[in-house]
Amino acid sequence: KVVGRASGDLHVQICEIVCRHDNEFSAETRL
């Protein structure tokens, strides 16, 4: 669970961080 100030960048940066560590991560099904 991640909490931050509402911003379009938050979603993008979290996905980038997670993808660095889990190459099977898909925002459509796992976010």
PDB file of all heavy atoms in Angstrom:
ATOM      1  N   LYS A   1       0.864  -1.190   0.000  1.00  0.00           N
ATOM      2  CA  LYS A   1       0.000   0.000   0.000  1.00  0.00           C
ATOM      3  C   LYS A   1       0.894   1.231   0.000  1.00  0.00           C
ATOM      4  O   LYS A   1       1.807   1.345   0.818  1.00  0.00           O
ATOM      5  CB  LYS A   1      -0.887  -0.001   1.238  1.00  0.00           C
ATOM      6  CG  LYS A   1      -1.727   1.238   1.408  1.00  0.00           C
ATOM      7  CD  LYS A   1      -2.927   1.266   0.517  1.00  0.00           C
ATOM      8  CE  LYS A   1      -4.028   0.443   1.120  1.00  0.00           C
ATOM      9  NZ  LYS A   1      -5.280   0.548   0.420  1.00  0.00           N
ATOM     10  N   VAL A   2       0.624   2.146  -0.921  1.00  0.00           N
ATOM     11  CA  VAL A   2       1.401   3.373  -1.064  1.00  0.00           C
ATOM     12  C   VAL A   2       0.447   4.560  -0.987  1.00  0.00           C
ATOM     13  O   VAL A   2      -0.610   4.541  -1.606  1.00  0.00           O
ATOM     14  CB  VAL A   2       2.144   3.403  -2.420  1.00  0.00           C
ATOM     15  CG1 VAL A   2       2.950   4.673  -2.577  1.00  0.00           C
ATOM     16  CG2 VAL A   2       3.014   2.178  -2.590  1.00  0.00           C
ATOM     17  N   VAL A   3       0.824   5.589  -0.226  1.00  0.00           N
ATOM     18  CA  VAL A   3       0.008   6.798  -0.129  1.00  0.00           C
ATOM     19  C   VAL A   3       0.869   8.005  -0.477  1.00  0.00           C
ATOM     20  O   VAL A   3       2.018   8.106  -0.048  1.00  0.00           O
ATOM     21  CB  VAL A   3      -0.584   6.964   1.290  1.00  0.00           C
ATOM     22  CG1 VAL A   3      -1.298   8.302   1.435  1.00  0.00           C
ATOM     23  CG2 VAL A   3      -1.540   5.830   1.607  1.00  0.00           C
ATOM     24  N   GLY A   4       0.284   8.891  -1.268  1.00  0.00           N
ATOM     25  CA  GLY A   4       0.969  10.127  -1.643  1.00  0.00           C
ATOM     26  C   GLY A   4      -0.039  11.203  -1.981  1.00  0.00           C
ATOM     27  O   GLY A   4      -1.247  10.962  -2.004  1.00  0.00           O
ATOM     28  N   ARG A   5       0.461  12.402  -2.227  1.00  0.00           N
ATOM     29  CA  ARG A   5      -0.424  13.486  -2.640  1.00  0.00           C
ATOM     30  C   ARG A   5      -0.964  13.171  -4.034  1.00  0.00           C
ATOM     31  O   ARG A   5      -0.240  12.667  -4.880  1.00  0.00           O
ATOM     32  CB  ARG A   5       0.329  14.800  -2.654  1.00  0.00           C
ATOM     33  CG  ARG A   5       0.800  15.219  -1.268  1.00  0.00           C
ATOM     34  CD  ARG A   5       1.026  16.698  -1.179  1.00  0.00           C
ATOM     35  NE  ARG A   5       1.650  17.218   0.004  1.00  0.00           N
ATOM     36  CZ  ARG A   5       1.379  16.939   1.259  1.00  0.00           C
ATOM     37  NH1 ARG A   5       0.478  16.047   1.526  1.00  0.00           N
ATOM     38  NH2 ARG A   5       1.989  17.519   2.267  1.00  0.00           N
ATOM     39  N   ALA A   6      -2.238  13.465  -4.239  1.00  0.00           N
ATOM     40  CA  ALA A   6      -2.893  13.162  -5.518  1.00  0.00           C
ATOM     41  C   ALA A   6      -2.184  13.894  -6.658  1.00  0.00           C
ATOM     42  O   ALA A   6      -2.001  15.109  -6.616  1.00  0.00           O
ATOM     43  CB  ALA A   6      -4.363  13.549  -5.461  1.00  0.00           C
ATOM     44  N   SER A   7      -1.772  13.128  -7.637  1.00  0.00           N
ATOM     45  CA  SER A   7      -1.057  13.672  -8.783  1.00  0.00           C
ATOM     46  C   SER A   7      -0.978  12.582  -9.839  1.00  0.00           C
ATOM     47  O   SER A   7      -0.870  11.403  -9.507  1.00  0.00           O
ATOM     48  CB  SER A   7       0.342  14.108  -8.326  1.00  0.00           C
ATOM     49  OG  SER A   7       1.295  13.926  -9.316  1.00  0.00           O
ATOM     50  N   GLY A   8      -1.038  12.971 -11.093  1.00  0.00           N
ATOM     51  CA  GLY A   8      -0.884  11.998 -12.167  1.00  0.00           C
ATOM     52  C   GLY A   8       0.489  11.360 -12.159  1.00  0.00           C
ATOM     53  O   GLY A   8       0.672  10.216 -12.563  1.00  0.00           O
ATOM     54  N   ASP A   9       1.477  12.106 -11.671  1.00  0.00           N
ATOM     55  CA  ASP A   9       2.845  11.594 -11.614  1.00  0.00           C
ATOM     56  C   ASP A   9       3.005  10.475 -10.591  1.00  0.00           C
ATOM     57  O   ASP A   9       3.860   9.614 -10.750  1.00  0.00           O
ATOM     58  CB  ASP A   9       3.823  12.720 -11.270  1.00  0.00           C
ATOM     59  CG  ASP A   9       3.990  13.714 -12.415  1.00  0.00           C
ATOM     60  OD1 ASP A   9       3.645  13.366 -13.559  1.00  0.00           O
ATOM     61  OD2 ASP A   9       4.467  14.831 -12.149  1.00  0.00           O
ATOM     62  N   LEU A  10       2.215  10.485  -9.508  1.00  0.00           N
ATOM     63  CA  LEU A  10       2.330   9.454  -8.480  1.00  0.00           C
ATOM     64  C   LEU A  10       2.101   8.076  -9.089  1.00  0.00           C
ATOM     65  O   LEU A  10       2.914   7.166  -8.923  1.00  0.00           O
ATOM     66  CB  LEU A  10       1.347   9.704  -7.336  1.00  0.00           C
ATOM     67  CG  LEU A  10       1.338   8.649  -6.233  1.00  0.00           C
ATOM     68  CD1 LEU A  10       2.669   8.645  -5.483  1.00  0.00           C
ATOM     69  CD2 LEU A  10       0.183   8.877  -5.265  1.00  0.00           C
ATOM     70  N   HIS A  11       1.020   7.928  -9.808  1.00  0.00           N
ATOM     71  CA  HIS A  11       0.665   6.657 -10.447  1.00  0.00           C
ATOM     72  C   HIS A  11       1.786   6.198 -11.379  1.00  0.00           C
ATOM     73  O   HIS A  11       2.219   5.039 -11.340  1.00  0.00           O
ATOM     74  CB  HIS A  11      -0.650   6.850 -11.205  1.00  0.00           C
ATOM     75  CG  HIS A  11      -1.149   5.646 -11.906  1.00  0.00           C
ATOM     76  ND1 HIS A  11      -0.792   5.346 -13.201  1.00  0.00           N
ATOM     77  CD2 HIS A  11      -1.980   4.656 -11.502  1.00  0.00           C
ATOM     78  CE1 HIS A  11      -1.395   4.224 -13.568  1.00  0.00           C
ATOM     79  NE2 HIS A  11      -2.109   3.784 -12.552  1.00  0.00           N
ATOM     80  N   VAL A  12       2.295   7.101 -12.186  1.00  0.00           N
ATOM     81  CA  VAL A  12       3.340   6.769 -13.150  1.00  0.00           C
ATOM     82  C   VAL A  12       4.632   6.356 -12.446  1.00  0.00           C
ATOM     83  O   VAL A  12       5.236   5.338 -12.788  1.00  0.00           O
ATOM     84  CB  VAL A  12       3.604   7.970 -14.104  1.00  0.00           C
ATOM     85  CG1 VAL A  12       4.823   7.731 -14.972  1.00  0.00           C
ATOM     86  CG2 VAL A  12       2.374   8.243 -14.951  1.00  0.00           C
ATOM     87  N   GLN A  13       5.051   7.134 -11.438  1.00  0.00           N
ATOM     88  CA  GLN A  13       6.302   6.819 -10.753  1.00  0.00           C
ATOM     89  C   GLN A  13       6.228   5.511  -9.979  1.00  0.00           C
ATOM     90  O   GLN A  13       7.193   4.745  -9.958  1.00  0.00           O
ATOM     91  CB  GLN A  13       6.714   7.972  -9.834  1.00  0.00           C
ATOM     92  CG  GLN A  13       7.277   9.130 -10.620  1.00  0.00           C
ATOM     93  CD  GLN A  13       8.025  10.114  -9.739  1.00  0.00           C
ATOM     94  OE1 GLN A  13       8.254   9.877  -8.562  1.00  0.00           O
ATOM     95  NE2 GLN A  13       8.413  11.219 -10.328  1.00  0.00           N
ATOM     96  N   ILE A  14       5.080   5.243  -9.354  1.00  0.00           N
ATOM     97  CA  ILE A  14       4.937   3.982  -8.613  1.00  0.00           C
ATOM     98  C   ILE A  14       5.032   2.805  -9.582  1.00  0.00           C
ATOM     99  O   ILE A  14       5.706   1.814  -9.307  1.00  0.00           O
ATOM    100  CB  ILE A  14       3.613   3.947  -7.816  1.00  0.00           C
ATOM    101  CG1 ILE A  14       3.575   5.068  -6.782  1.00  0.00           C
ATOM    102  CG2 ILE A  14       3.403   2.587  -7.172  1.00  0.00           C
ATOM    103  CD1 ILE A  14       4.759   5.145  -5.867  1.00  0.00           C
ATOM    104  N   CYS A  15       4.376   2.912 -10.714  1.00  0.00           N
ATOM    105  CA  CYS A  15       4.448   1.840 -11.716  1.00  0.00           C
ATOM    106  C   CYS A  15       5.877   1.640 -12.217  1.00  0.00           C
ATOM    107  O   CYS A  15       6.330   0.503 -12.382  1.00  0.00           O
ATOM    108  CB  CYS A  15       3.510   2.134 -12.877  1.00  0.00           C
ATOM    109  SG  CYS A  15       1.772   1.904 -12.467  1.00  0.00           S
ATOM    110  N   GLU A  16       6.611   2.735 -12.437  1.00  0.00           N
ATOM    111  CA  GLU A  16       7.998   2.623 -12.885  1.00  0.00           C
ATOM    112  C   GLU A  16       8.860   1.917 -11.833  1.00  0.00           C
ATOM    113  O   GLU A  16       9.681   1.058 -12.172  1.00  0.00           O
ATOM    114  CB  GLU A  16       8.572   4.005 -13.192  1.00  0.00           C
ATOM    115  CG  GLU A  16       8.033   4.612 -14.464  1.00  0.00           C
ATOM    116  CD  GLU A  16       8.513   6.044 -14.690  1.00  0.00           C
ATOM    117  OE1 GLU A  16       9.274   6.579 -13.836  1.00  0.00           O
ATOM    118  OE2 GLU A  16       8.128   6.633 -15.711  1.00  0.00           O
ATOM    119  N   ILE A  17       8.666   2.287 -10.562  1.00  0.00           N
ATOM    120  CA  ILE A  17       9.438   1.663  -9.483  1.00  0.00           C
ATOM    121  C   ILE A  17       9.151   0.174  -9.405  1.00  0.00           C
ATOM    122  O   ILE A  17      10.056  -0.654  -9.347  1.00  0.00           O
ATOM    123  CB  ILE A  17       9.140   2.353  -8.137  1.00  0.00           C
ATOM    124  CG1 ILE A  17       9.738   3.752  -8.123  1.00  0.00           C
ATOM    125  CG2 ILE A  17       9.659   1.515  -6.969  1.00  0.00           C
ATOM    126  CD1 ILE A  17       9.281   4.614  -6.961  1.00  0.00           C
ATOM    127  N   VAL A  18       7.883  -0.180  -9.426  1.00  0.00           N
ATOM    128  CA  VAL A  18       7.500  -1.586  -9.297  1.00  0.00           C
ATOM    129  C   VAL A  18       7.984  -2.391 -10.503  1.00  0.00           C
ATOM    130  O   VAL A  18       8.487  -3.507 -10.342  1.00  0.00           O
ATOM    131  CB  VAL A  18       5.977  -1.725  -9.094  1.00  0.00           C
ATOM    132  CG1 VAL A  18       5.548  -3.170  -9.145  1.00  0.00           C
ATOM    133  CG2 VAL A  18       5.567  -1.087  -7.761  1.00  0.00           C
ATOM    134  N   CYS A  19       7.888  -1.829 -11.688  1.00  0.00           N
ATOM    135  CA  CYS A  19       8.332  -2.540 -12.899  1.00  0.00           C
ATOM    136  C   CYS A  19       9.827  -2.829 -12.886  1.00  0.00           C
ATOM    137  O   CYS A  19      10.264  -3.828 -13.455  1.00  0.00           O
ATOM    138  CB  CYS A  19       7.963  -1.745 -14.148  1.00  0.00           C
ATOM    139  SG  CYS A  19       6.211  -1.849 -14.558  1.00  0.00           S
ATOM    140  N   ARG A  20      10.615  -1.980 -12.213  1.00  0.00           N
ATOM    141  CA  ARG A  20      12.051  -2.236 -12.097  1.00  0.00           C
ATOM    142  C   ARG A  20      12.340  -3.530 -11.346  1.00  0.00           C
ATOM    143  O   ARG A  20      13.353  -4.171 -11.560  1.00  0.00           O
ATOM    144  CB  ARG A  20      12.738  -1.096 -11.346  1.00  0.00           C
ATOM    145  CG  ARG A  20      13.136   0.040 -12.227  1.00  0.00           C
ATOM    146  CD  ARG A  20      13.965   1.041 -11.436  1.00  0.00           C
ATOM    147  NE  ARG A  20      13.119   2.215 -11.254  1.00  0.00           N
ATOM    148  CZ  ARG A  20      13.169   3.048 -10.243  1.00  0.00           C
ATOM    149  NH1 ARG A  20      14.015   2.843  -9.264  1.00  0.00           N
ATOM    150  NH2 ARG A  20      12.373   4.078 -10.196  1.00  0.00           N
ATOM    151  N   HIS A  21      11.426  -3.894 -10.447  1.00  0.00           N
ATOM    152  CA  HIS A  21      11.655  -5.047  -9.577  1.00  0.00           C
ATOM    153  C   HIS A  21      10.789  -6.262  -9.932  1.00  0.00           C
ATOM    154  O   HIS A  21      11.055  -7.354  -9.457  1.00  0.00           O
ATOM    155  CB  HIS A  21      11.399  -4.653  -8.121  1.00  0.00           C
ATOM    156  CG  HIS A  21      12.290  -3.543  -7.667  1.00  0.00           C
ATOM    157  ND1 HIS A  21      13.605  -3.747  -7.308  1.00  0.00           N
ATOM    158  CD2 HIS A  21      12.064  -2.209  -7.542  1.00  0.00           C
ATOM    159  CE1 HIS A  21      14.144  -2.589  -6.959  1.00  0.00           C
ATOM    160  NE2 HIS A  21      13.236  -1.646  -7.100  1.00  0.00           N
ATOM    161  N   ASP A  22       9.730  -6.034 -10.697  1.00  0.00           N
ATOM    162  CA  ASP A  22       8.823  -7.118 -11.076  1.00  0.00           C
ATOM    163  C   ASP A  22       8.458  -6.933 -12.547  1.00  0.00           C
ATOM    164  O   ASP A  22       7.557  -6.171 -12.881  1.00  0.00           O
ATOM    165  CB  ASP A  22       7.560  -7.082 -10.195  1.00  0.00           C
ATOM    166  CG  ASP A  22       6.536  -8.142 -10.562  1.00  0.00           C
ATOM    167  OD1 ASP A  22       6.803  -8.977 -11.450  1.00  0.00           O
ATOM    168  OD2 ASP A  22       5.443  -8.127  -9.963  1.00  0.00           O
ATOM    169  N   ASN A  23       9.189  -7.616 -13.425  1.00  0.00           N
ATOM    170  CA  ASN A  23       8.946  -7.439 -14.862  1.00  0.00           C
ATOM    171  C   ASN A  23       7.642  -8.053 -15.340  1.00  0.00           C
ATOM    172  O   ASN A  23       7.265  -7.878 -16.484  1.00  0.00           O
ATOM    173  CB  ASN A  23      10.147  -7.899 -15.704  1.00  0.00           C
ATOM    174  CG  ASN A  23      10.737  -9.186 -15.237  1.00  0.00           C
ATOM    175  OD1 ASN A  23      10.371  -9.696 -14.190  1.00  0.00           O
ATOM    176  ND2 ASN A  23      11.674  -9.709 -15.995  1.00  0.00           N
ATOM    177  N   GLU A  24       6.924  -8.758 -14.470  1.00  0.00           N
ATOM    178  CA  GLU A  24       5.608  -9.282 -14.825  1.00  0.00           C
ATOM    179  C   GLU A  24       4.489  -8.344 -14.387  1.00  0.00           C
ATOM    180  O   GLU A  24       3.317  -8.609 -14.641  1.00  0.00           O
ATOM    181  CB  GLU A  24       5.394 -10.651 -14.168  1.00  0.00           C
ATOM    182  CG  GLU A  24       6.315 -11.726 -14.679  1.00  0.00           C
ATOM    183  CD  GLU A  24       6.068 -13.055 -13.986  1.00  0.00           C
ATOM    184  OE1 GLU A  24       5.025 -13.219 -13.331  1.00  0.00           O
ATOM    185  OE2 GLU A  24       6.937 -13.934 -14.103  1.00  0.00           O
ATOM    186  N   PHE A  25       4.834  -7.228 -13.733  1.00  0.00           N
ATOM    187  CA  PHE A  25       3.826  -6.314 -13.197  1.00  0.00           C
ATOM    188  C   PHE A  25       3.009  -5.680 -14.318  1.00  0.00           C
ATOM    189  O   PHE A  25       3.545  -5.219 -15.316  1.00  0.00           O
ATOM    190  CB  PHE A  25       4.486  -5.216 -12.367  1.00  0.00           C
ATOM    191  CG  PHE A  25       3.499  -4.229 -11.797  1.00  0.00           C
ATOM    192  CD1 PHE A  25       2.732  -4.561 -10.702  1.00  0.00           C
ATOM    193  CD2 PHE A  25       3.328  -2.980 -12.372  1.00  0.00           C
ATOM    194  CE1 PHE A  25       1.820  -3.670 -10.169  1.00  0.00           C
ATOM    195  CE2 PHE A  25       2.429  -2.079 -11.855  1.00  0.00           C
ATOM    196  CZ  PHE A  25       1.667  -2.425 -10.747  1.00  0.00           C
ATOM    197  N   SER A  26       1.689  -5.671 -14.128  1.00  0.00           N
ATOM    198  CA  SER A  26       0.775  -5.034 -15.067  1.00  0.00           C
ATOM    199  C   SER A  26      -0.169  -4.141 -14.274  1.00  0.00           C
ATOM    200  O   SER A  26      -0.911  -4.620 -13.418  1.00  0.00           O
ATOM    201  CB  SER A  26      -0.024  -6.097 -15.822  1.00  0.00           C
ATOM    202  OG  SER A  26      -1.111  -5.497 -16.493  1.00  0.00           O
ATOM    203  N   ALA A  27      -0.140  -2.841 -14.549  1.00  0.00           N
ATOM    204  CA  ALA A  27      -0.986  -1.892 -13.825  1.00  0.00           C
ATOM    205  C   ALA A  27      -2.470  -2.208 -14.029  1.00  0.00           C
ATOM    206  O   ALA A  27      -3.286  -1.963 -13.139  1.00  0.00           O
ATOM    207  CB  ALA A  27      -0.688  -0.470 -14.276  1.00  0.00           C
ATOM    208  N   GLU A  28      -2.825  -2.756 -15.166  1.00  0.00           N
ATOM    209  CA  GLU A  28      -4.236  -3.052 -15.451  1.00  0.00           C
ATOM    210  C   GLU A  28      -4.803  -4.111 -14.520  1.00  0.00           C
ATOM    211  O   GLU A  28      -5.976  -4.068 -14.158  1.00  0.00           O
ATOM    212  CB  GLU A  28      -4.418  -3.507 -16.913  1.00  0.00           C
ATOM    213  CG  GLU A  28      -4.196  -2.414 -17.930  1.00  0.00           C
ATOM    214  CD  GLU A  28      -2.712  -2.203 -18.229  1.00  0.00           C
ATOM    215  OE1 GLU A  28      -1.899  -3.132 -18.064  1.00  0.00           O
ATOM    216  OE2 GLU A  28      -2.374  -1.067 -18.610  1.00  0.00           O
ATOM    217  N   THR A  29      -3.978  -5.070 -14.121  1.00  0.00           N
ATOM    218  CA  THR A  29      -4.485  -6.175 -13.309  1.00  0.00           C
ATOM    219  C   THR A  29      -3.936  -6.198 -11.881  1.00  0.00           C
ATOM    220  O   THR A  29      -4.500  -6.871 -11.025  1.00  0.00           O
ATOM    221  CB  THR A  29      -4.145  -7.531 -13.965  1.00  0.00           C
ATOM    222  OG1 THR A  29      -2.723  -7.637 -14.110  1.00  0.00           O
ATOM    223  CG2 THR A  29      -4.823  -7.660 -15.314  1.00  0.00           C
ATOM    224  N   ARG A  30      -2.849  -5.472 -11.603  1.00  0.00           N
ATOM    225  CA  ARG A  30      -2.202  -5.583 -10.299  1.00  0.00           C
ATOM    226  C   ARG A  30      -2.077  -4.259  -9.555  1.00  0.00           C
ATOM    227  O   ARG A  30      -1.268  -4.126  -8.649  1.00  0.00           O
ATOM    228  CB  ARG A  30      -0.830  -6.210 -10.472  1.00  0.00           C
ATOM    229  CG  ARG A  30      -0.938  -7.562 -11.214  1.00  0.00           C
ATOM    230  CD  ARG A  30       0.198  -8.397 -10.957  1.00  0.00           C
ATOM    231  NE  ARG A  30       0.019  -8.943  -9.622  1.00  0.00           N
ATOM    232  CZ  ARG A  30       0.360 -10.153  -9.261  1.00  0.00           C
ATOM    233  NH1 ARG A  30       0.900 -10.960 -10.122  1.00  0.00           N
ATOM    234  NH2 ARG A  30       0.187 -10.577  -8.043  1.00  0.00           N
ATOM    235  N   LEU A  31      -2.893  -3.271  -9.943  1.00  0.00           N
ATOM    236  CA  LEU A  31      -2.852  -1.968  -9.293  1.00  0.00           C
ATOM    237  C   LEU A  31      -4.267  -1.497  -9.005  1.00  0.00           C
ATOM    238  O   LEU A  31      -5.135  -1.557  -9.880  1.00  0.00           O
ATOM    239  CB  LEU A  31      -2.158  -0.946 -10.200  1.00  0.00           C
ATOM    240  CG  LEU A  31      -2.164   0.491  -9.700  1.00  0.00           C
ATOM    241  CD1 LEU A  31      -1.071   0.698  -8.657  1.00  0.00           C
ATOM    242  CD2 LEU A  31      -1.980   1.462 -10.836  1.00  0.00           C
TER     243      LEU A  31
END
